[in-house]
Amino acid sequence: MLVDAGNRPRLGQSFIVIKPDALAGREGFLDRVEVPVREMLVDDGVRLPGARREALLVAAQANGIEIGNALLKGLDSA
């Protein structure tokens, strides 16, 4: 679906933005939305927005990050 090769299925995306406070309140909303999200994550390949970024942040905080020598020299001279 996300590659140029093959049939183009004419799919699109839409975003539904919800302000939880306007409904049952933030905590009630988060409790309710946790159930379908947990079920989605049972399937292989399902990704949540921000999950990769959060995992990379945790890894960087634990292990540091690698930078090239040129960038390191530039940072040292600044």
N, C-alpha and C. Protein backbone atom coordinates (compact mmCIF):
# COMPACT_ATOMS: atom_id res chain seq x y z
N MET A 1 0.81 -1.19 0.00
CA MET A 1 0.00 0.00 0.00
C MET A 1 0.86 1.26 0.00
N LEU A 2 2.01 1.23 0.65
CA LEU A 2 2.84 2.42 0.75
C LEU A 2 4.03 2.41 -0.19
N VAL A 3 3.96 1.59 -1.23
CA VAL A 3 5.03 1.55 -2.22
C VAL A 3 4.44 1.91 -3.58
N ASP A 4 5.31 2.36 -4.49
CA ASP A 4 4.84 2.78 -5.81
C ASP A 4 4.52 1.60 -6.72
N ALA A 5 5.15 0.44 -6.49
CA ALA A 5 4.95 -0.71 -7.37
C ALA A 5 3.56 -1.31 -7.19
N GLY A 6 3.01 -1.83 -8.29
CA GLY A 6 1.75 -2.56 -8.20
C GLY A 6 0.51 -1.67 -8.28
N ASN A 7 -0.61 -2.28 -7.94
CA ASN A 7 -1.90 -1.62 -8.01
C ASN A 7 -2.00 -0.51 -6.96
N ARG A 8 -2.56 0.60 -7.35
CA ARG A 8 -2.80 1.70 -6.41
C ARG A 8 -4.24 1.60 -5.93
N PRO A 9 -4.46 1.24 -4.70
CA PRO A 9 -5.81 0.95 -4.22
C PRO A 9 -6.70 2.16 -3.94
N ARG A 10 -6.23 3.37 -4.19
CA ARG A 10 -7.01 4.60 -3.97
C ARG A 10 -7.48 4.73 -2.53
N LEU A 11 -6.55 4.53 -1.62
CA LEU A 11 -6.85 4.68 -0.21
C LEU A 11 -6.37 6.05 0.26
N GLY A 12 -6.98 6.54 1.28
CA GLY A 12 -6.56 7.79 1.88
C GLY A 12 -6.61 7.67 3.38
N GLN A 13 -6.16 8.68 4.04
CA GLN A 13 -6.21 8.70 5.48
C GLN A 13 -7.02 9.91 5.93
N SER A 14 -7.60 9.77 7.08
CA SER A 14 -8.24 10.91 7.72
C SER A 14 -7.88 10.88 9.19
N PHE A 15 -7.92 12.01 9.80
CA PHE A 15 -7.57 12.11 11.21
C PHE A 15 -8.79 12.59 11.98
N ILE A 16 -9.06 11.91 13.05
CA ILE A 16 -10.13 12.32 13.94
C ILE A 16 -9.47 12.87 15.19
N VAL A 17 -9.69 14.12 15.46
CA VAL A 17 -9.09 14.78 16.61
C VAL A 17 -10.16 14.93 17.68
N ILE A 18 -9.85 14.43 18.87
CA ILE A 18 -10.83 14.43 19.95
C ILE A 18 -10.25 15.19 21.13
N LYS A 19 -11.03 16.09 21.68
CA LYS A 19 -10.65 16.77 22.91
C LYS A 19 -11.34 16.03 24.05
N PRO A 20 -10.60 15.18 24.76
CA PRO A 20 -11.21 14.33 25.78
C PRO A 20 -11.98 15.09 26.86
N ASP A 21 -11.51 16.27 27.21
CA ASP A 21 -12.19 17.03 28.26
C ASP A 21 -13.62 17.39 27.89
N ALA A 22 -13.90 17.47 26.61
CA ALA A 22 -15.24 17.83 26.17
C ALA A 22 -16.20 16.64 26.26
N LEU A 23 -15.67 15.46 26.46
CA LEU A 23 -16.51 14.27 26.52
C LEU A 23 -16.59 13.79 27.98
N ALA A 24 -16.05 12.65 28.25
CA ALA A 24 -16.12 12.06 29.59
C ALA A 24 -14.96 12.49 30.48
N GLY A 25 -14.15 13.39 30.00
CA GLY A 25 -12.97 13.80 30.75
C GLY A 25 -11.74 13.03 30.31
N ARG A 26 -10.59 13.59 30.58
CA ARG A 26 -9.32 13.02 30.11
C ARG A 26 -9.08 11.61 30.64
N GLU A 27 -9.23 11.39 31.93
CA GLU A 27 -8.93 10.08 32.50
C GLU A 27 -9.89 9.01 31.97
N GLY A 28 -11.16 9.34 31.88
CA GLY A 28 -12.12 8.38 31.33
C GLY A 28 -11.80 8.03 29.89
N PHE A 29 -11.44 9.04 29.12
CA PHE A 29 -11.08 8.80 27.71
C PHE A 29 -9.86 7.90 27.61
N LEU A 30 -8.82 8.21 28.38
CA LEU A 30 -7.59 7.41 28.31
C LEU A 30 -7.84 5.96 28.75
N ASP A 31 -8.67 5.78 29.74
CA ASP A 31 -9.02 4.41 30.15
C ASP A 31 -9.71 3.65 29.03
N ARG A 32 -10.62 4.32 28.34
CA ARG A 32 -11.39 3.66 27.29
C ARG A 32 -10.55 3.40 26.03
N VAL A 33 -9.71 4.35 25.66
CA VAL A 33 -8.92 4.20 24.44
C VAL A 33 -7.79 3.20 24.63
N GLU A 34 -7.39 2.94 25.85
CA GLU A 34 -6.32 1.98 26.12
C GLU A 34 -6.69 0.58 25.65
N VAL A 35 -7.94 0.22 25.75
CA VAL A 35 -8.37 -1.13 25.37
C VAL A 35 -8.16 -1.39 23.88
N PRO A 36 -8.69 -0.57 22.96
CA PRO A 36 -8.44 -0.87 21.54
C PRO A 36 -6.97 -0.73 21.14
N VAL A 37 -6.25 0.19 21.77
CA VAL A 37 -4.83 0.33 21.45
C VAL A 37 -4.08 -0.93 21.85
N ARG A 38 -4.37 -1.46 23.03
CA ARG A 38 -3.73 -2.70 23.48
C ARG A 38 -4.04 -3.84 22.51
N GLU A 39 -5.27 -3.92 22.03
CA GLU A 39 -5.64 -4.97 21.08
C GLU A 39 -4.93 -4.79 19.75
N MET A 40 -4.77 -3.55 19.30
CA MET A 40 -4.06 -3.30 18.04
C MET A 40 -2.62 -3.77 18.13
N LEU A 41 -1.99 -3.56 19.28
CA LEU A 41 -0.58 -3.90 19.43
C LEU A 41 -0.32 -5.40 19.49
N VAL A 42 -1.37 -6.20 19.58
CA VAL A 42 -1.22 -7.66 19.54
C VAL A 42 -0.75 -8.09 18.16
N ASP A 43 -1.20 -7.39 17.11
CA ASP A 43 -0.82 -7.74 15.74
C ASP A 43 0.59 -7.27 15.43
N ASP A 44 1.34 -8.09 14.72
CA ASP A 44 2.69 -7.73 14.30
C ASP A 44 2.63 -6.57 13.31
N GLY A 45 3.57 -5.66 13.43
CA GLY A 45 3.69 -4.58 12.47
C GLY A 45 2.86 -3.34 12.79
N VAL A 46 2.04 -3.40 13.81
CA VAL A 46 1.25 -2.22 14.17
C VAL A 46 2.15 -1.24 14.91
N ARG A 47 2.12 0.01 14.48
CA ARG A 47 2.95 1.03 15.10
C ARG A 47 2.08 2.17 15.58
N LEU A 48 2.42 2.69 16.71
CA LEU A 48 1.72 3.86 17.24
C LEU A 48 2.57 5.10 16.99
N PRO A 49 1.95 6.22 16.69
CA PRO A 49 2.71 7.45 16.50
C PRO A 49 3.54 7.77 17.75
N GLY A 50 4.80 8.05 17.53
CA GLY A 50 5.68 8.42 18.62
C GLY A 50 6.38 7.27 19.30
N ALA A 51 5.97 6.02 19.03
CA ALA A 51 6.58 4.87 19.71
C ALA A 51 8.05 4.72 19.34
N ARG A 52 8.38 4.88 18.07
CA ARG A 52 9.77 4.75 17.63
C ARG A 52 10.62 5.86 18.23
N ARG A 53 10.10 7.07 18.21
CA ARG A 53 10.82 8.21 18.77
C ARG A 53 11.09 8.00 20.26
N GLU A 54 10.10 7.51 20.97
CA GLU A 54 10.27 7.27 22.41
C GLU A 54 11.32 6.19 22.67
N ALA A 55 11.28 5.12 21.87
CA ALA A 55 12.27 4.05 22.03
C ALA A 55 13.68 4.55 21.74
N LEU A 56 13.82 5.39 20.71
CA LEU A 56 15.14 5.95 20.39
C LEU A 56 15.63 6.88 21.50
N LEU A 57 14.73 7.65 22.09
CA LEU A 57 15.10 8.54 23.19
C LEU A 57 15.59 7.74 24.39
N VAL A 58 14.87 6.69 24.74
CA VAL A 58 15.26 5.85 25.88
C VAL A 58 16.64 5.23 25.62
N ALA A 59 16.84 4.73 24.40
CA ALA A 59 18.13 4.12 24.06
C ALA A 59 19.25 5.16 24.11
N ALA A 60 19.00 6.37 23.61
CA ALA A 60 20.02 7.42 23.62
C ALA A 60 20.36 7.84 25.04
N GLN A 61 19.35 7.92 25.90
CA GLN A 61 19.60 8.29 27.29
C GLN A 61 20.41 7.22 28.01
N ALA A 62 20.18 5.96 27.66
CA ALA A 62 20.90 4.87 28.32
C ALA A 62 22.30 4.68 27.76
N ASN A 63 22.45 4.83 26.43
CA ASN A 63 23.71 4.46 25.77
C ASN A 63 24.46 5.63 25.16
N GLY A 64 23.86 6.81 25.13
CA GLY A 64 24.47 7.94 24.43
C GLY A 64 24.22 7.82 22.94
N ILE A 65 24.77 8.76 22.18
CA ILE A 65 24.65 8.71 20.73
C ILE A 65 26.02 8.84 20.10
N GLU A 66 26.15 8.28 18.92
CA GLU A 66 27.41 8.37 18.20
C GLU A 66 27.34 9.55 17.24
N ILE A 67 28.42 10.32 17.20
CA ILE A 67 28.52 11.40 16.22
C ILE A 67 29.87 11.29 15.54
N GLY A 68 29.93 11.82 14.33
CA GLY A 68 31.16 11.77 13.56
C GLY A 68 32.21 12.72 14.10
N ASN A 69 33.46 12.46 13.72
CA ASN A 69 34.57 13.29 14.19
C ASN A 69 34.44 14.74 13.76
N ALA A 70 33.98 14.97 12.53
CA ALA A 70 33.84 16.33 12.03
C ALA A 70 32.84 17.12 12.89
N LEU A 71 31.73 16.50 13.20
CA LEU A 71 30.73 17.17 14.04
C LEU A 71 31.29 17.41 15.44
N LEU A 72 32.00 16.43 15.98
CA LEU A 72 32.58 16.58 17.31
C LEU A 72 33.57 17.75 17.34
N LYS A 73 34.42 17.85 16.31
CA LYS A 73 35.37 18.97 16.24
C LYS A 73 34.64 20.29 16.15
N GLY A 74 33.56 20.32 15.36
CA GLY A 74 32.77 21.55 15.25
C GLY A 74 32.14 21.94 16.57
N LEU A 75 31.67 20.98 17.30
CA LEU A 75 31.07 21.26 18.61
C LEU A 75 32.12 21.72 19.61
N ASP A 76 33.30 21.10 19.56
CA ASP A 76 34.38 21.49 20.46
C ASP A 76 34.85 22.90 20.21
N SER A 77 34.80 23.34 18.95
CA SER A 77 35.31 24.68 18.62
C SER A 77 34.25 25.76 18.85
N ALA A 78 33.03 25.38 19.08
CA ALA A 78 31.96 26.38 19.25
C ALA A 78 31.94 26.95 20.64
